[in-house]
Amino acid sequence: MEKQATSVRQLQELLAAKAKEGDNVITIQRDRAHVCPVELIDVYPERNIRPIDHNTVREYADAMKRGDSFPAIQVKVEGNRIVVVHGYHRALAAKLAVKEGHEMAGLKIEDFKGNSADAIYLMLNSENSLAVDAVSRAEAYLKLHNQNFTNKQIADRCGKPDGSGKRTAEHVAQMLLLAQAEEAAKQLVRDGKIMATTVIELIRDEKKGGPQHVEAALAMIAQAEAQGRQRAMPKDKPAARTSTPAAPKLKIKEVRTHLASLSSLTPSLRAALDEHAMNSFTATEAKEGEDTPDVELQVSIPASKLAELVALLEKTEAPEQPEENGTGAGNDDQHDMFNTSREQAEA
């Protein structure tokens, strides 16, 4: 079984030994940093925390053809191959330049020392990197979060791009919300159609029962474009809809209490009805089969009792609300309560 190298130096020595034995192999040269032929370098873009910017790859390739110097890329050895850990755009640019006929000894490479989390922190913090966009940063934070790093631990190891200090745990928490966004919303942020902070607010609104965040973002973008702007702003967010408070629920116990209080009106109301009936019988005799016309009566009622009666009638006109304990008339639809929440547990 062929010996497996675990570092660039070991691979360099292994290839050098094969070359001495007469094998037709390419070797790795060392000039302070190792210089590795691009044929030995494997690039897996999906391991990078940011999407590959092909315009940048093109610019780097042209610069390499001019002889411009680039910093060493960070690598590790897998299966006797060099695998990029940091410096994806430089590695892809070198491959492109060689493919287009440029002759170069290779790329400067350095052994990466650390685990997968250290690799993410390196990509987030390296001064030699392209700027990390908000979505890529959010997804990188999520990878670290899934490795059981706390928000504070992530913040402590991620400095601000201007070198003004560390980030905060609150910043990490907000970015983890952005990481939960649907891909369509993330692409809108990357395309500059809407700000990351706005999408975060839309996700918060959705968790509270508001509109779906992608639909809300698209509506804001449409509003901005209608006004001749290419990017949605917070002012494009529609005003929150105010819900009409539900009418007080009428309870049997409450009805009985009011009826007992209003029973004092019974004698005066009955007297008014009796007087009306007597007057109607005396004035004209209703013919059999004909409806007796309804008339209005004037009745004297204390103001306090009238107010109580009106309040009771208003409650009877309100839509029936299901009982809180699940025993009310609206309980037939109680299964809907399990489908109303849009909130998902945070990863």
Foldseek 3Di string as FASTA:
>chain_A
DDDFDWFLVVLQVVQVVCVVVVDPDDHWPDDPFIFDALVQEDEDQVLALAHDDVVLLCVLLVCVLVVDDDDAFEWTDDRSGTYGLGDRSNSSSSVVNVVVPRDDRGGGYHYDDDDSLVSLLCQQAPPRHDHQALQSVLVSLVVVVVVVDQLANVQQSHPDNVRPGTGHSVVNVLSVLLNPADPLVVVCCVVQQEPSNVLSVLSVQVQVQHDRSNVQSVQQSVVQVVVVHRHGDPVSRDDDDDDDDADDADDPVNVVVLCVVLVVCVVQVVVQVVVVVVVVVVVDPDDPPDDDDDDDTDGDDPPVNVVSVVSNVVNVPGDHDADPVLPRPPNVPVVVVVVRGPDDDRD
